[in-house]
Amino acid sequence: MTVATNIRMPEELLKTLKHKAVEEKKSVNRLICEAIELSLTVIPQSAKPSDDSFENIIGSAHSGCKDGSVHHDHYLYGKKR
């Protein structure tokens, strides 16, 4: 069952939407429905679990070193040669 509704949008957005509908050989209604369906089914990035298990260890260790990014060679290899 479908229900009719009204929406308001900026004129330029509607113009762009109509051009896209013609390009994709779809109705404006179909494009709007597809966009709404997609927005309701896509998981936001912040809610997605990380695919990279390495990210779980980021920030788990603290060296107390405040200049590690600048003097990393010194901390890793000792004195400069």
N, C-alpha and C. Protein backbone atom coordinates (compact mmCIF):
# COMPACT_ATOMS: atom_id res chain seq x y z
N MET A 1 0.84 -1.17 0.00
CA MET A 1 0.00 0.00 0.00
C MET A 1 0.89 1.25 0.00
N THR A 2 0.58 2.19 -0.82
CA THR A 2 1.32 3.45 -0.85
C THR A 2 0.42 4.58 -0.37
N VAL A 3 1.06 5.60 0.18
CA VAL A 3 0.35 6.75 0.72
C VAL A 3 0.96 8.01 0.11
N ALA A 4 0.13 8.95 -0.25
CA ALA A 4 0.60 10.21 -0.80
C ALA A 4 1.00 11.15 0.34
N THR A 5 2.06 11.91 0.11
CA THR A 5 2.50 12.90 1.08
C THR A 5 3.12 14.08 0.34
N ASN A 6 3.26 15.18 1.03
CA ASN A 6 3.91 16.36 0.46
C ASN A 6 5.23 16.60 1.16
N ILE A 7 6.22 17.03 0.41
CA ILE A 7 7.49 17.42 1.02
C ILE A 7 7.90 18.76 0.44
N ARG A 8 8.70 19.49 1.18
CA ARG A 8 9.22 20.78 0.72
C ARG A 8 10.73 20.64 0.59
N MET A 9 11.26 21.20 -0.48
CA MET A 9 12.70 21.17 -0.70
C MET A 9 13.09 22.40 -1.50
N PRO A 10 14.34 22.78 -1.43
CA PRO A 10 14.81 23.93 -2.21
C PRO A 10 14.60 23.67 -3.71
N GLU A 11 14.28 24.73 -4.41
CA GLU A 11 14.00 24.63 -5.84
C GLU A 11 15.15 24.00 -6.62
N GLU A 12 16.39 24.38 -6.29
CA GLU A 12 17.55 23.84 -6.99
C GLU A 12 17.70 22.34 -6.76
N LEU A 13 17.37 21.89 -5.55
CA LEU A 13 17.44 20.46 -5.25
C LEU A 13 16.43 19.69 -6.09
N LEU A 14 15.23 20.22 -6.20
CA LEU A 14 14.20 19.56 -7.02
C LEU A 14 14.63 19.52 -8.48
N LYS A 15 15.21 20.61 -8.95
CA LYS A 15 15.69 20.67 -10.33
C LYS A 15 16.75 19.59 -10.58
N THR A 16 17.68 19.48 -9.66
CA THR A 16 18.74 18.46 -9.79
C THR A 16 18.15 17.06 -9.73
N LEU A 17 17.18 16.87 -8.84
CA LEU A 17 16.52 15.58 -8.71
C LEU A 17 15.79 15.19 -9.99
N LYS A 18 15.14 16.15 -10.62
CA LYS A 18 14.43 15.87 -11.87
C LYS A 18 15.41 15.49 -12.99
N HIS A 19 16.56 16.17 -13.04
CA HIS A 19 17.58 15.82 -14.05
C HIS A 19 18.10 14.41 -13.82
N LYS A 20 18.34 14.07 -12.56
CA LYS A 20 18.83 12.72 -12.24
C LYS A 20 17.78 11.68 -12.60
N ALA A 21 16.52 11.97 -12.36
CA ALA A 21 15.44 11.05 -12.70
C ALA A 21 15.41 10.76 -14.19
N VAL A 22 15.60 11.79 -14.99
CA VAL A 22 15.62 11.62 -16.45
C VAL A 22 16.84 10.77 -16.85
N GLU A 23 18.01 11.09 -16.27
CA GLU A 23 19.24 10.34 -16.59
C GLU A 23 19.11 8.87 -16.25
N GLU A 24 18.49 8.56 -15.11
CA GLU A 24 18.39 7.18 -14.66
C GLU A 24 17.10 6.49 -15.12
N LYS A 25 16.29 7.23 -15.88
CA LYS A 25 15.02 6.72 -16.39
C LYS A 25 14.15 6.18 -15.25
N LYS A 26 14.05 6.99 -14.18
CA LYS A 26 13.23 6.67 -13.03
C LYS A 26 12.36 7.88 -12.72
N SER A 27 11.34 7.66 -11.92
CA SER A 27 10.51 8.79 -11.49
C SER A 27 11.17 9.49 -10.31
N VAL A 28 10.79 10.74 -10.11
CA VAL A 28 11.27 11.49 -8.95
C VAL A 28 10.84 10.75 -7.69
N ASN A 29 9.62 10.25 -7.68
CA ASN A 29 9.11 9.48 -6.54
C ASN A 29 10.01 8.28 -6.24
N ARG A 30 10.41 7.55 -7.27
CA ARG A 30 11.25 6.36 -7.08
C ARG A 30 12.60 6.76 -6.49
N LEU A 31 13.20 7.84 -6.99
CA LEU A 31 14.49 8.29 -6.46
C LEU A 31 14.38 8.69 -4.99
N ILE A 32 13.31 9.38 -4.65
CA ILE A 32 13.11 9.79 -3.25
C ILE A 32 12.93 8.56 -2.37
N CYS A 33 12.12 7.61 -2.79
CA CYS A 33 11.92 6.38 -2.01
C CYS A 33 13.22 5.61 -1.84
N GLU A 34 14.01 5.50 -2.91
CA GLU A 34 15.30 4.80 -2.83
C GLU A 34 16.24 5.50 -1.85
N ALA A 35 16.27 6.82 -1.90
CA ALA A 35 17.14 7.58 -1.00
C ALA A 35 16.72 7.39 0.46
N ILE A 36 15.43 7.40 0.71
CA ILE A 36 14.94 7.21 2.07
C ILE A 36 15.24 5.80 2.54
N GLU A 37 14.99 4.80 1.69
CA GLU A 37 15.28 3.41 2.06
C GLU A 37 16.76 3.24 2.38
N LEU A 38 17.61 3.83 1.56
CA LEU A 38 19.05 3.73 1.78
C LEU A 38 19.45 4.39 3.09
N SER A 39 18.91 5.55 3.37
CA SER A 39 19.28 6.26 4.60
C SER A 39 18.81 5.51 5.85
N LEU A 40 17.77 4.71 5.72
CA LEU A 40 17.26 3.96 6.86
C LEU A 40 17.97 2.62 7.05
N THR A 41 18.66 2.12 6.03
CA THR A 41 19.31 0.82 6.13
C THR A 41 20.82 0.91 6.30
N VAL A 42 21.42 2.02 5.95
CA VAL A 42 22.87 2.16 6.06
C VAL A 42 23.25 2.39 7.52
N ILE A 43 24.25 1.65 7.99
CA ILE A 43 24.74 1.82 9.37
C ILE A 43 25.69 3.01 9.38
N PRO A 44 25.49 3.98 10.25
CA PRO A 44 26.41 5.13 10.32
C PRO A 44 27.83 4.66 10.66
N GLN A 45 28.84 5.35 10.13
CA GLN A 45 30.23 4.98 10.35
C GLN A 45 30.55 4.86 11.83
N SER A 46 30.03 5.75 12.65
CA SER A 46 30.35 5.73 14.07
C SER A 46 29.78 4.50 14.77
N ALA A 47 28.74 3.89 14.21
CA ALA A 47 28.13 2.72 14.83
C ALA A 47 28.71 1.41 14.31
N LYS A 48 29.46 1.47 13.20
CA LYS A 48 30.03 0.27 12.63
C LYS A 48 31.18 -0.25 13.48
N PRO A 49 31.21 -1.54 13.74
CA PRO A 49 32.38 -2.08 14.43
C PRO A 49 33.58 -2.00 13.50
N SER A 50 34.74 -1.80 14.05
CA SER A 50 35.95 -1.66 13.25
C SER A 50 36.28 -2.99 12.58
N ASP A 51 36.62 -2.94 11.29
CA ASP A 51 37.06 -4.13 10.57
C ASP A 51 38.53 -4.40 10.84
N ASP A 52 39.24 -3.40 11.33
CA ASP A 52 40.67 -3.51 11.57
C ASP A 52 40.92 -3.77 13.05
N SER A 53 41.26 -5.01 13.38
CA SER A 53 41.46 -5.36 14.79
C SER A 53 42.64 -4.62 15.40
N PHE A 54 43.55 -4.13 14.56
CA PHE A 54 44.69 -3.36 15.06
C PHE A 54 44.24 -2.07 15.74
N GLU A 55 43.11 -1.51 15.27
CA GLU A 55 42.60 -0.28 15.86
C GLU A 55 42.23 -0.44 17.33
N ASN A 56 41.97 -1.66 17.76
CA ASN A 56 41.60 -1.90 19.15
C ASN A 56 42.73 -1.62 20.12
N ILE A 57 43.99 -1.66 19.65
CA ILE A 57 45.10 -1.42 20.57
C ILE A 57 45.56 0.03 20.59
N ILE A 58 45.04 0.84 19.68
CA ILE A 58 45.43 2.25 19.64
C ILE A 58 45.06 2.91 20.96
N GLY A 59 46.04 3.56 21.56
CA GLY A 59 45.83 4.27 22.82
C GLY A 59 45.89 3.39 24.05
N SER A 60 46.21 2.10 23.87
CA SER A 60 46.23 1.21 25.03
C SER A 60 47.52 1.30 25.83
N ALA A 61 48.56 1.88 25.27
CA ALA A 61 49.83 2.02 25.99
C ALA A 61 50.24 3.48 26.02
N HIS A 62 50.82 3.89 27.14
CA HIS A 62 51.26 5.27 27.29
C HIS A 62 52.71 5.25 27.76
N SER A 63 53.58 5.91 27.01
CA SER A 63 55.00 5.93 27.37
C SER A 63 55.34 7.11 28.27
N GLY A 64 54.51 8.12 28.29
CA GLY A 64 54.82 9.32 29.03
C GLY A 64 55.71 10.27 28.24
N CYS A 65 56.16 9.81 27.09
CA CYS A 65 57.03 10.60 26.22
C CYS A 65 56.17 11.61 25.45
N LYS A 66 56.48 12.88 25.57
CA LYS A 66 55.67 13.91 24.92
C LYS A 66 56.19 14.30 23.54
N ASP A 67 57.45 13.92 23.22
CA ASP A 67 58.03 14.32 21.93
C ASP A 67 58.42 13.10 21.09
N GLY A 68 57.70 12.01 21.26
CA GLY A 68 58.02 10.76 20.55
C GLY A 68 57.95 10.86 19.05
N SER A 69 57.05 11.68 18.53
CA SER A 69 56.95 11.79 17.08
C SER A 69 58.12 12.55 16.48
N VAL A 70 58.77 13.39 17.28
CA VAL A 70 59.90 14.18 16.80
C VAL A 70 61.21 13.44 17.02
N HIS A 71 61.36 12.82 18.19
CA HIS A 71 62.63 12.18 18.55
C HIS A 71 62.53 10.66 18.60
N HIS A 72 61.71 10.08 17.75
CA HIS A 72 61.50 8.63 17.81
C HIS A 72 62.78 7.84 17.59
N ASP A 73 63.68 8.30 16.70
CA ASP A 73 64.94 7.58 16.47
C ASP A 73 65.75 7.49 17.76
N HIS A 74 65.80 8.58 18.51
CA HIS A 74 66.54 8.58 19.77
C HIS A 74 65.96 7.55 20.74
N TYR A 75 64.62 7.50 20.83
CA TYR A 75 63.99 6.57 21.76
C TYR A 75 64.11 5.12 21.30
N LEU A 76 64.13 4.89 19.99
CA LEU A 76 64.24 3.53 19.47
C LEU A 76 65.68 3.01 19.41
N TYR A 77 66.61 3.88 18.98
CA TYR A 77 67.97 3.43 18.71
C TYR A 77 69.03 4.03 19.62
N GLY A 78 68.67 4.89 20.50
CA GLY A 78 69.65 5.50 21.39
C GLY A 78 70.18 6.78 20.82
N LYS A 79 71.41 7.11 21.18
CA LYS A 79 72.01 8.36 20.75
C LYS A 79 72.23 8.41 19.25
N LYS A 80 72.22 9.64 18.70
CA LYS A 80 72.53 9.82 17.27
C LYS A 80 73.98 9.50 17.04
N ARG A 81 74.26 8.95 15.88
CA ARG A 81 75.66 8.61 15.56
C ARG A 81 76.33 9.72 14.85
